[in-house]
């Protein structure tokens, strides 16, 4: 017996996976289907393609074909076999391309079950404002989330009780309906979702009074989320399965918490670094000294001010910024020299003497009445 080259027929390698064989078969079957291809030889080619797929799509048949080089499986009791002669006669045979595809690859039962799966619910987005301290150090928050949940009375089915659910008489529980159209090659069948039951395969006669048959009710649920340290404005946290529930008992989707960090009275954040201002006196700036710098956690850090410090000088406190898994930032403290608003007579005399020692020319500041007298 001449060995038939099934791999060549489908255009696949001998090591091709079943998924690759399925893909090749589907492409060629559509290309040479007699209803779509009227060229001479298309009918014979279509037979060869299906024969090759019937062998290579079956693990046992493929193993024997690879081992013995024969396609004669007539003694196997017809397991997984496929007879194409009826299809080619075109008299009273009903053809469904999806059915043939499943018969070849052994998936017919799953394919013919057309019941629509329960749809997932919707994602929820919750905007949450947090303080800078909470963003930098992390915090646990308990949120009250209004969302659609499965009705506790009907368990999401939408029916008053189990007896209120009946099999759809239009599709007979399949969720799909078939329509047939006669062609020169036979009756071509197509399947579509049943409009009567929406693909469910069943219909509800008496609706649940608590959810009006929707299977869903509005509830405010308290959810606790952990906000990690180092979070920034615009970041989102995902809480899996905490979104809205799906219809007809469908699973819940996810909750996304979008964070907004409030402005701080003392600190600003840029990346991993924090920025603040520290006030120092004229004497501290001139002579030097030590001051306490407040930190975001409420503690203080000791900072040495060198003599001759100018205003707007930036001091870096290493490791006092934002600490994350990637790196730890610094605290950038900007010195602002404060000028005393009120001076005693002695302080004024000392400052005048200080100015003269430095060569400064001072013009005594005149009061309002003195300036008025000069003008008159």
Protein backbone atom coordinates (compact mmCIF):
# COMPACT_ATOMS: atom_id res chain seq x y z
CA UNK A 1 0.00 0.00 0.00
CA UNK A 2 1.34 3.41 -0.94
CA UNK A 3 1.93 5.62 2.05
CA UNK A 4 -0.10 8.81 1.97
CA UNK A 5 1.78 11.95 2.93
CA UNK A 6 -0.62 13.41 5.45
CA UNK A 7 1.88 15.94 6.82
CA UNK A 8 2.56 17.27 3.33
CA UNK A 9 -1.17 17.39 2.62
CA UNK A 10 -1.69 19.75 5.55
CA UNK A 11 1.62 21.53 5.02
CA UNK A 12 2.93 20.91 8.54
CA UNK A 13 6.10 19.47 9.99
CA UNK A 14 6.18 15.93 11.41
CA UNK A 15 6.77 17.42 14.86
CA UNK A 16 3.80 19.77 14.58
CA UNK A 17 1.60 20.13 17.66
CA UNK A 18 -2.10 19.33 17.59
CA UNK A 19 -2.87 23.06 17.69
CA UNK A 20 -0.70 23.62 14.59
CA UNK A 21 -2.46 20.75 12.82
CA UNK A 22 -5.86 22.22 13.73
CA UNK A 23 -4.84 25.63 12.42
CA UNK A 24 -3.54 24.19 9.14
CA UNK A 25 -6.64 22.03 8.68
CA UNK A 26 -9.04 24.92 9.32
CA UNK A 27 -7.27 27.14 6.81
CA UNK A 28 -7.14 24.50 4.04
CA UNK A 29 -10.68 23.22 4.66
CA UNK A 30 -12.08 26.70 4.14
CA UNK A 31 -9.91 27.19 1.06
CA UNK A 32 -11.04 23.96 -0.68
CA UNK A 33 -14.58 23.63 0.63
CA UNK A 34 -16.77 22.76 -2.39
CA UNK A 35 -19.31 25.43 -1.46
CA UNK A 36 -16.58 28.06 -1.59
CA UNK A 37 -14.22 26.69 -4.25
CA UNK A 38 -15.75 25.68 -7.59
CA UNK A 39 -12.45 24.92 -9.30
CA UNK A 40 -11.77 21.38 -10.64
CA UNK A 41 -10.02 19.21 -8.11
CA UNK A 42 -11.23 21.18 -5.07
CA UNK A 43 -13.60 18.39 -4.08
CA UNK A 44 -10.85 15.76 -4.16
CA UNK A 45 -8.45 18.07 -2.33
CA UNK A 46 -11.04 18.66 0.36
CA UNK A 47 -11.37 14.88 0.86
CA UNK A 48 -7.60 14.52 1.21
CA UNK A 49 -7.39 17.36 3.72
CA UNK A 50 -10.10 15.88 5.91
CA UNK A 51 -8.59 12.40 5.69
CA UNK A 52 -5.19 13.75 6.75
CA UNK A 53 -6.73 15.73 9.59
CA UNK A 54 -8.74 12.73 10.79
CA UNK A 55 -5.53 10.73 11.13
CA UNK A 56 -3.15 13.37 12.48
CA UNK A 57 -5.79 14.83 14.77
CA UNK A 58 -6.17 11.53 16.62
CA UNK A 59 -3.27 10.66 18.92
CA UNK A 60 -3.55 6.88 18.48
CA UNK A 61 -3.99 7.03 14.72
CA UNK A 62 -1.11 9.45 14.37
CA UNK A 63 1.16 7.19 16.45
CA UNK A 64 0.37 4.19 14.26
CA UNK A 65 0.75 6.23 11.10
CA UNK A 66 4.18 7.47 12.22
CA UNK A 67 5.22 3.96 13.23
CA UNK A 68 3.85 1.84 10.36
CA UNK A 69 3.36 4.39 7.59
CA UNK A 70 -0.18 3.27 6.84
CA UNK A 71 -3.52 5.02 6.91
CA UNK A 72 -5.59 1.84 6.96
CA UNK A 73 -7.42 2.00 10.28
CA UNK A 74 -10.48 0.07 9.12
CA UNK A 75 -9.98 -2.53 11.82
CA UNK A 76 -10.10 -0.06 14.68
CA UNK A 77 -13.88 -0.19 14.94
CA UNK A 78 -14.32 3.26 13.41
CA UNK A 79 -13.12 5.10 16.55
CA UNK A 80 -12.69 8.71 15.67
CA UNK A 81 -13.23 7.88 11.98
CA UNK A 82 -14.82 10.24 9.54
CA UNK A 83 -16.86 9.23 6.49
CA UNK A 84 -16.92 12.00 3.85
CA UNK A 85 -18.90 10.12 1.25
CA UNK A 86 -22.24 11.23 2.68
CA UNK A 87 -21.22 14.83 2.62
CA UNK A 88 -20.15 14.65 -1.01
CA UNK A 89 -23.43 13.12 -2.14
CA UNK A 90 -25.26 16.37 -1.43
CA UNK A 91 -28.75 14.87 -1.19
CA UNK A 92 -30.20 14.95 2.32
CA UNK A 93 -27.02 15.43 4.31
CA UNK A 94 -26.81 18.42 6.67
CA UNK A 95 -23.33 19.93 6.85
CA UNK A 96 -22.02 22.12 9.68
CA UNK A 97 -18.38 23.12 9.32
CA UNK A 98 -18.04 23.48 13.08
CA UNK A 99 -19.37 19.95 13.62
CA UNK A 100 -16.90 18.48 11.13
CA UNK A 101 -14.02 20.37 12.74
CA UNK A 102 -14.96 19.00 16.13
CA UNK A 103 -15.46 15.45 14.89
CA UNK A 104 -12.01 15.45 13.35
CA UNK A 105 -10.35 16.62 16.57
CA UNK A 106 -12.64 14.95 19.08
CA UNK A 107 -14.25 18.10 20.46
CA UNK A 108 -17.76 17.76 19.16
CA UNK A 109 -19.49 17.42 22.49
CA UNK A 110 -17.99 20.62 23.87
CA UNK A 111 -18.59 22.53 20.68
CA UNK A 112 -22.25 21.56 20.37
CA UNK A 113 -22.94 22.73 23.88
CA UNK A 114 -23.74 26.31 23.04
CA UNK A 115 -24.80 27.58 26.44
CA UNK A 116 -23.54 31.05 27.15
CA UNK A 117 -21.14 31.28 30.04
CA UNK A 118 -22.06 33.56 32.92
CA UNK A 119 -20.60 36.99 32.16
CA UNK A 120 -18.10 38.58 34.50
CA UNK A 121 -19.06 41.75 36.33
CA UNK A 122 -17.53 45.18 35.77
CA UNK A 123 -14.38 46.74 37.17
CA UNK A 124 -14.79 49.52 39.74
CA UNK A 125 -12.60 52.60 40.13
CA UNK A 126 -12.38 54.34 43.52
CA UNK A 127 -10.53 57.65 43.98
CA UNK A 128 -8.85 57.91 47.39
CA UNK A 129 -7.09 60.91 48.92
CA UNK A 130 -4.26 60.20 51.37
CA UNK A 131 -1.80 62.37 53.28
CA UNK A 132 1.88 62.64 52.42
CA UNK A 133 2.72 60.74 55.59
CA UNK A 134 0.43 57.88 54.54
CA UNK A 135 1.94 57.83 51.06
CA UNK A 136 5.53 57.75 52.33
CA UNK A 137 5.14 55.28 55.21
CA UNK A 138 2.17 53.20 54.02
CA UNK A 139 -1.20 52.74 55.67
CA UNK A 140 -4.16 50.40 55.92
CA UNK A 141 -7.49 51.87 54.83
CA UNK A 142 -11.04 50.57 55.18
CA UNK A 143 -13.25 51.75 52.33
CA UNK A 144 -17.01 51.61 51.91
CA UNK A 145 -17.58 50.56 48.30
CA UNK A 146 -21.08 50.70 46.76
CA UNK A 147 -21.32 47.88 44.21
CA UNK A 148 -23.62 45.35 42.60
CA UNK A 149 -23.55 42.00 44.40
CA UNK A 150 -25.28 38.68 43.89
CA UNK A 151 -28.73 38.61 45.42
CA UNK A 152 -28.61 36.56 48.61
CA UNK A 153 -32.21 35.40 48.14
CA UNK A 154 -31.82 33.76 44.72
CA UNK A 155 -28.02 33.32 44.82
CA UNK A 156 -27.72 35.36 41.65
CA UNK A 157 -30.02 33.19 39.52
CA UNK A 158 -32.79 35.80 39.28
CA UNK A 159 -35.45 33.14 39.91
CA UNK A 160 -37.93 33.06 42.77
CA UNK A 161 -36.98 29.43 43.48
CA UNK A 162 -35.55 26.43 41.65
CA UNK A 163 -38.96 25.45 40.25
CA UNK A 164 -39.20 28.85 38.54
CA UNK A 165 -36.40 27.92 36.11
CA UNK A 166 -37.39 25.82 33.10
CA UNK A 167 -35.57 24.54 30.04
CA UNK A 168 -35.87 26.80 27.03
CA UNK A 169 -38.33 25.23 24.57
CA UNK A 170 -36.82 27.04 21.61
CA UNK A 171 -33.30 25.62 21.87
CA UNK A 172 -34.14 22.70 24.23
CA UNK A 173 -31.48 23.71 26.70
CA UNK A 174 -28.61 23.99 24.22
CA UNK A 175 -28.48 27.79 24.19
CA UNK A 176 -28.01 27.65 20.42
CA UNK A 177 -30.38 27.23 17.50
CA UNK A 178 -29.56 25.80 14.09
CA UNK A 179 -30.79 27.10 10.76
CA UNK A 180 -30.45 25.07 7.57
CA UNK A 181 -30.19 26.24 3.96
CA UNK A 182 -30.29 23.88 1.00
CA UNK A 183 -27.40 24.20 -1.46
CA UNK A 184 -26.33 22.18 -4.54
CA UNK A 185 -24.05 20.26 -2.19
CA UNK A 186 -26.62 19.51 0.45
CA UNK A 187 -28.11 21.39 3.37
CA UNK A 188 -25.71 23.96 4.83
CA UNK A 189 -26.37 24.54 8.54
CA UNK A 190 -25.44 27.51 10.71
CA UNK A 191 -25.79 27.93 14.46
CA UNK A 192 -26.49 31.08 16.45
CA UNK A 193 -27.34 32.11 20.01
CA UNK A 194 -30.91 31.42 20.99
CA UNK A 195 -32.77 34.74 21.17
CA UNK A 196 -35.44 33.43 23.50
CA UNK A 197 -33.12 32.52 26.37
CA UNK A 198 -30.11 34.64 25.35
CA UNK A 199 -27.89 31.56 25.19
CA UNK A 200 -28.66 30.48 28.77
CA UNK A 201 -30.51 27.31 27.82
CA UNK A 202 -33.14 28.08 30.44
CA UNK A 203 -35.77 30.72 31.16
CA UNK A 204 -37.11 32.15 34.42
CA UNK A 205 -40.88 31.97 34.85
CA UNK A 206 -41.13 33.74 38.22
CA UNK A 207 -38.56 36.43 39.02
CA UNK A 208 -36.96 36.87 42.42
CA UNK A 209 -38.87 39.64 44.26
CA UNK A 210 -35.73 41.06 45.90
CA UNK A 211 -33.73 41.67 42.71
CA UNK A 212 -36.56 41.73 40.12
CA UNK A 213 -34.99 38.85 38.27
CA UNK A 214 -31.63 40.50 37.65
CA UNK A 215 -29.79 38.40 40.22
CA UNK A 216 -28.03 41.55 41.44
CA UNK A 217 -28.61 44.02 44.28
CA UNK A 218 -26.83 47.23 45.26
CA UNK A 219 -24.80 46.93 48.46
CA UNK A 220 -22.18 49.03 50.28
CA UNK A 221 -19.36 46.69 51.21
CA UNK A 222 -16.45 47.56 53.54
CA UNK A 223 -13.13 46.56 52.01
CA UNK A 224 -9.72 46.86 53.66
CA UNK A 225 -6.72 47.65 51.46
CA UNK A 226 -3.05 47.95 52.32
CA UNK A 227 -1.33 50.97 50.77
CA UNK A 228 2.40 50.24 50.50
CA UNK A 229 5.05 52.79 51.42
CA UNK A 230 6.37 55.05 48.67
CA UNK A 231 3.08 55.35 46.75
CA UNK A 232 2.59 58.40 44.50
CA UNK A 233 -0.31 60.34 43.03
CA UNK A 234 -1.81 58.58 40.01
CA UNK A 235 -0.83 55.07 41.08
CA UNK A 236 -3.52 52.40 41.20
CA UNK A 237 -3.96 49.46 43.53
CA UNK A 238 -5.88 46.40 42.34
CA UNK A 239 -8.07 44.35 44.64
CA UNK A 240 -8.94 41.18 42.76
CA UNK A 241 -12.57 40.07 42.77
CA UNK A 242 -13.79 43.13 44.67
CA UNK A 243 -15.54 44.76 41.72
CA UNK A 244 -19.15 44.31 40.65
CA UNK A 245 -20.66 40.83 40.40
CA UNK A 246 -21.66 39.38 37.04
CA UNK A 247 -25.18 38.60 35.91
CA UNK A 248 -26.65 35.13 36.37
CA UNK A 249 -24.12 34.20 39.05
CA UNK A 250 -21.15 35.40 37.01
CA UNK A 251 -17.88 36.11 38.84
CA UNK A 252 -16.99 39.53 40.20
CA UNK A 253 -14.40 41.67 38.46
CA UNK A 254 -11.76 43.81 40.15
CA UNK A 255 -11.61 47.00 42.21
CA UNK A 256 -9.02 49.63 41.31
CA UNK A 257 -8.12 52.27 43.89
CA UNK A 258 -6.53 55.36 42.35
CA UNK A 259 -4.52 57.40 44.84
CA UNK A 260 -4.21 61.17 45.18
CA UNK A 261 -1.65 62.51 47.67
CA UNK A 262 -2.68 65.75 49.40
CA UNK A 263 -0.32 68.73 49.64
CA UNK A 264 1.64 69.07 52.88
CA UNK A 265 2.10 72.29 54.85
CA UNK A 266 5.81 71.72 55.45
CA UNK A 267 7.18 69.13 53.03
CA UNK A 268 7.20 68.64 49.28
CA UNK A 269 8.02 65.37 47.55
CA UNK A 270 9.95 64.96 44.32
CA UNK A 271 10.59 61.32 43.54
CA UNK A 272 12.38 59.75 46.48
CA UNK A 273 13.50 63.08 48.00
CA UNK A 274 11.65 65.35 50.41
CA UNK A 275 12.11 69.14 50.51
CA UNK A 276 11.55 71.55 53.38
CA UNK A 277 12.66 74.95 54.68
CA UNK A 278 14.46 75.61 57.98
CA UNK A 279 14.69 79.03 59.56
CA UNK A 280 18.03 80.14 61.03
CA UNK A 281 18.86 83.41 62.74
CA UNK A 282 21.32 85.98 61.48
CA UNK A 283 23.69 85.07 64.30
CA UNK A 284 23.48 81.32 63.49
CA UNK A 285 24.15 82.03 59.85
CA UNK A 286 27.12 84.24 60.65
CA UNK A 287 28.70 82.31 63.51
CA UNK A 288 27.44 78.77 62.83
CA UNK A 289 25.73 76.38 65.23
CA UNK A 290 23.37 73.43 65.44
CA UNK A 291 19.62 73.33 64.87
CA UNK A 292 16.86 70.72 64.97
CA UNK A 293 15.27 69.89 61.62
CA UNK A 294 11.73 68.39 61.83
CA UNK A 295 11.21 65.15 59.92
CA UNK A 296 8.06 63.81 58.27
CA UNK A 297 7.65 61.11 60.93
CA UNK A 298 7.43 63.75 63.68
CA UNK A 299 10.97 63.30 64.94
CA UNK A 300 13.90 65.73 64.66
CA UNK A 301 17.33 65.45 63.11
CA UNK A 302 20.33 67.46 64.33
CA UNK A 303 21.86 69.67 61.62
CA UNK A 304 25.14 71.55 61.90
CA UNK A 305 25.12 75.03 60.38
CA UNK A 306 28.57 76.20 59.30
CA UNK A 307 29.65 79.81 59.88
CA UNK A 308 28.92 82.12 56.98
CA UNK A 309 25.87 80.21 55.73
CA UNK A 310 23.92 82.14 53.12
CA UNK A 311 20.17 82.08 52.68
CA UNK A 312 18.85 79.41 50.24
CA UNK A 313 21.75 77.10 51.08
CA UNK A 314 20.61 73.48 50.68
CA UNK A 315 21.57 70.93 53.32
CA UNK A 316 21.15 67.22 52.50
CA UNK A 317 20.09 64.87 55.27
CA UNK A 318 20.94 61.47 53.82
CA UNK A 319 18.39 58.69 54.14
CA UNK A 320 15.67 60.92 55.58
CA UNK A 321 13.53 60.92 52.44
CA UNK A 322 11.17 58.33 50.97
CA UNK A 323 12.17 54.73 51.63
CA UNK A 324 11.05 52.13 49.05
CA UNK A 325 12.20 48.69 48.00
CA UNK A 326 14.28 50.25 45.21
CA UNK A 327 16.08 53.04 47.04
CA UNK A 328 15.98 55.50 49.94
CA UNK A 329 15.79 59.21 49.24
CA UNK A 330 17.13 62.21 51.17
CA UNK A 331 15.71 65.24 52.91
CA UNK A 332 16.76 68.49 51.26
CA UNK A 333 16.57 71.33 53.81
CA UNK A 334 16.80 74.89 52.46
CA UNK A 335 18.11 77.46 54.94
CA UNK A 336 16.16 80.72 55.22
CA UNK A 337 17.80 83.47 57.30
CA UNK A 338 15.30 85.30 59.44
CA UNK A 339 15.75 89.02 60.02
CA UNK A 340 14.51 90.15 63.45
CA UNK A 341 11.50 92.43 63.17
CA UNK A 342 12.09 94.18 66.51
CA UNK A 343 15.44 95.20 68.03
CA UNK A 344 16.22 96.59 71.42
CA UNK A 345 18.24 99.80 71.73
CA UNK A 346 21.31 97.82 72.74
CA UNK A 347 20.94 95.47 69.75
CA UNK A 348 20.68 98.43 67.39
CA UNK A 349 23.82 100.01 68.84
CA UNK A 350 25.72 96.75 68.43
CA UNK A 351 24.54 96.34 64.84
CA UNK A 352 25.58 99.90 63.99
CA UNK A 353 28.98 99.23 65.49
CA UNK A 354 29.14 95.94 63.53
CA UNK A 355 28.33 97.79 60.33
CA UNK A 356 30.98 100.42 60.93
CA UNK A 357 33.55 97.72 61.58
CA UNK A 358 32.65 96.22 58.21
CA UNK A 359 32.85 99.55 56.41
CA UNK A 360 29.15 99.85 55.76
CA UNK A 361 27.74 103.36 55.35
CA UNK A 362 24.52 103.68 57.27
CA UNK A 363 21.81 106.26 56.77
CA UNK A 364 19.65 106.44 59.90
CA UNK A 365 16.09 105.57 59.01
CA UNK A 366 13.79 108.54 59.53
CA UNK A 367 10.35 108.23 60.95
CA UNK A 368 7.14 109.37 59.32
CA UNK A 369 6.91 112.70 61.15
CA UNK A 370 10.54 113.51 60.42
CA UNK A 371 9.98 112.94 56.67
CA UNK A 372 6.77 115.03 56.82
CA UNK A 373 8.58 117.90 58.53
CA UNK A 374 11.24 117.96 55.82
CA UNK A 375 8.62 118.19 53.11
CA UNK A 376 6.91 121.14 54.84
